[in-house]
Amino acid sequence: MSYYAYSSDPGNSSVWQLRGRRSPVEAIRSENRRRIEVVVGPIHEQLTQQGTINTLGILSLEGEPLQFSTLQQFYKQTRRQAFWRDS
């Protein structure tokens, strides 16, 4: 995972190099759900397409859910795989 966080391959920005409105760190610190979705969403999508992660959850310091991406898709796929294994 650290490779993807620090990677600056052509077409990919290192997560830690992004500043201001494009910074995922600042978006999460703001705890603004829409801002998190806009900033972190494309990064999550890229990591999903690369097969690095399939689910992402972001919580506030108090433990409140701020963003969950593809959690429902993950559960649907898990149930489908369990069905095919049991058949």
C-alpha atoms as a PDB file:
ATOM      1  CA  MET A   1       0.000   0.000   0.000  1.00  0.00           C
ATOM      2  CA  SER A   2       2.838   2.401   0.750  1.00  0.00           C
ATOM      3  CA  TYR A   3       4.000   2.127  -2.886  1.00  0.00           C
ATOM      4  CA  TYR A   4       0.665   3.483  -4.076  1.00  0.00           C
ATOM      5  CA  ALA A   5       0.687   6.267  -1.487  1.00  0.00           C
ATOM      6  CA  TYR A   6       4.117   7.466  -2.564  1.00  0.00           C
ATOM      7  CA  SER A   7       3.979   6.528  -6.255  1.00  0.00           C
ATOM      8  CA  SER A   8       4.390   9.387  -8.683  1.00  0.00           C
ATOM      9  CA  ASP A   9       4.206   7.306 -11.859  1.00  0.00           C
ATOM     10  CA  PRO A  10       3.074   9.195 -14.970  1.00  0.00           C
ATOM     11  CA  GLY A  11      -0.613  10.015 -14.610  1.00  0.00           C
ATOM     12  CA  ASN A  12      -0.593   9.244 -10.890  1.00  0.00           C
ATOM     13  CA  SER A  13      -0.016  11.836  -8.201  1.00  0.00           C
ATOM     14  CA  SER A  14       1.463  10.870  -4.883  1.00  0.00           C
ATOM     15  CA  VAL A  15      -1.253  11.222  -2.258  1.00  0.00           C
ATOM     16  CA  TRP A  16       1.151  13.134  -0.025  1.00  0.00           C
ATOM     17  CA  GLN A  17       2.158  15.639  -2.734  1.00  0.00           C
ATOM     18  CA  LEU A  18      -1.372  16.968  -3.159  1.00  0.00           C
ATOM     19  CA  ARG A  19      -1.987  20.287  -1.407  1.00  0.00           C
ATOM     20  CA  GLY A  20      -4.918  22.551  -0.614  1.00  0.00           C
ATOM     21  CA  ARG A  21      -8.306  21.588  -2.044  1.00  0.00           C
ATOM     22  CA  ARG A  22      -6.845  18.450  -3.672  1.00  0.00           C
ATOM     23  CA  SER A  23      -5.245  17.149  -0.464  1.00  0.00           C
ATOM     24  CA  PRO A  24      -6.920  14.002   0.877  1.00  0.00           C
ATOM     25  CA  VAL A  25      -5.338  14.647   4.269  1.00  0.00           C
ATOM     26  CA  GLU A  26      -6.960  18.087   4.500  1.00  0.00           C
ATOM     27  CA  ALA A  27     -10.286  16.736   3.231  1.00  0.00           C
ATOM     28  CA  ILE A  28     -10.349  14.111   5.981  1.00  0.00           C
ATOM     29  CA  ARG A  29      -9.285  16.644   8.624  1.00  0.00           C
ATOM     30  CA  SER A  30     -12.192  18.873   7.579  1.00  0.00           C
ATOM     31  CA  GLU A  31     -14.649  15.991   8.231  1.00  0.00           C
ATOM     32  CA  ASN A  32     -16.747  17.406   5.366  1.00  0.00           C
ATOM     33  CA  ARG A  33     -18.330  14.318   3.788  1.00  0.00           C
ATOM     34  CA  ARG A  34     -18.832  15.859   0.357  1.00  0.00           C
ATOM     35  CA  ARG A  35     -15.251  17.119   0.219  1.00  0.00           C
ATOM     36  CA  ILE A  36     -13.965  13.685   1.262  1.00  0.00           C
ATOM     37  CA  GLU A  37     -16.054  12.060  -1.467  1.00  0.00           C
ATOM     38  CA  VAL A  38     -14.768  14.458  -4.143  1.00  0.00           C
ATOM     39  CA  VAL A  39     -11.091  14.266  -3.130  1.00  0.00           C
ATOM     40  CA  VAL A  40     -10.696  10.684  -1.899  1.00  0.00           C
ATOM     41  CA  GLY A  41     -13.158   9.084  -4.330  1.00  0.00           C
ATOM     42  CA  PRO A  42     -10.907   9.218  -7.416  1.00  0.00           C
ATOM     43  CA  ILE A  43      -7.932   7.909  -5.418  1.00  0.00           C
ATOM     44  CA  HIS A  44     -10.034   5.034  -4.116  1.00  0.00           C
ATOM     45  CA  GLU A  45     -11.313   4.299  -7.624  1.00  0.00           C
ATOM     46  CA  GLN A  46      -7.768   4.185  -8.990  1.00  0.00           C
ATOM     47  CA  LEU A  47      -6.603   1.836  -6.220  1.00  0.00           C
ATOM     48  CA  THR A  48      -9.665  -0.368  -6.797  1.00  0.00           C
ATOM     49  CA  GLN A  49      -8.941  -0.618 -10.525  1.00  0.00           C
ATOM     50  CA  GLN A  50      -5.334  -1.557  -9.742  1.00  0.00           C
ATOM     51  CA  GLY A  51      -6.570  -4.297  -7.400  1.00  0.00           C
ATOM     52  CA  THR A  52      -4.921  -2.721  -4.347  1.00  0.00           C
ATOM     53  CA  ILE A  53      -8.035  -2.249  -2.192  1.00  0.00           C
ATOM     54  CA  ASN A  54     -11.732  -2.964  -2.546  1.00  0.00           C
ATOM     55  CA  THR A  55     -13.220  -1.211   0.486  1.00  0.00           C
ATOM     56  CA  LEU A  56     -12.356   2.063   2.175  1.00  0.00           C
ATOM     57  CA  GLY A  57     -13.763   3.391   5.442  1.00  0.00           C
ATOM     58  CA  ILE A  58     -12.970   6.791   6.946  1.00  0.00           C
ATOM     59  CA  LEU A  59     -13.963   7.590  10.529  1.00  0.00           C
ATOM     60  CA  SER A  60     -13.847  10.817  12.523  1.00  0.00           C
ATOM     61  CA  LEU A  61     -11.723  10.974  15.675  1.00  0.00           C
ATOM     62  CA  GLU A  62     -14.918  10.265  17.616  1.00  0.00           C
ATOM     63  CA  GLY A  63     -15.527   7.112  15.569  1.00  0.00           C
ATOM     64  CA  GLU A  64     -18.352   8.516  13.453  1.00  0.00           C
ATOM     65  CA  PRO A  65     -18.395   7.156   9.887  1.00  0.00           C
ATOM     66  CA  LEU A  66     -17.515   9.890   7.391  1.00  0.00           C
ATOM     67  CA  GLN A  67     -17.116   7.846   4.211  1.00  0.00           C
ATOM     68  CA  PHE A  68     -17.465   4.211   3.236  1.00  0.00           C
ATOM     69  CA  SER A  69     -16.762   3.239  -0.353  1.00  0.00           C
ATOM     70  CA  THR A  70     -17.961   0.000  -1.949  1.00  0.00           C
ATOM     71  CA  LEU A  71     -18.833  -1.609   1.377  1.00  0.00           C
ATOM     72  CA  GLN A  72     -22.194  -2.793   0.019  1.00  0.00           C
ATOM     73  CA  GLN A  73     -20.557  -4.091  -3.157  1.00  0.00           C
ATOM     74  CA  PHE A  74     -18.032  -5.922  -0.980  1.00  0.00           C
ATOM     75  CA  TYR A  75     -20.766  -7.644   1.037  1.00  0.00           C
ATOM     76  CA  LYS A  76     -22.727  -8.537  -2.114  1.00  0.00           C
ATOM     77  CA  GLN A  77     -19.651 -10.089  -3.698  1.00  0.00           C
ATOM     78  CA  THR A  78     -18.758 -11.950  -0.491  1.00  0.00           C
ATOM     79  CA  ARG A  79     -22.268 -13.433  -0.276  1.00  0.00           C
ATOM     80  CA  ARG A  80     -22.169 -14.387  -3.958  1.00  0.00           C
ATOM     81  CA  GLN A  81     -18.805 -16.118  -3.519  1.00  0.00           C
ATOM     82  CA  ALA A  82     -20.085 -17.945  -0.430  1.00  0.00           C
ATOM     83  CA  PHE A  83     -23.148 -19.086  -2.407  1.00  0.00           C
ATOM     84  CA  TRP A  84     -21.002 -20.502  -5.217  1.00  0.00           C
ATOM     85  CA  ARG A  85     -18.675 -22.247  -2.746  1.00  0.00           C
ATOM     86  CA  ASP A  86     -21.616 -23.867  -0.940  1.00  0.00           C
ATOM     87  CA  SER A  87     -23.358 -24.982  -4.159  1.00  0.00           C
END
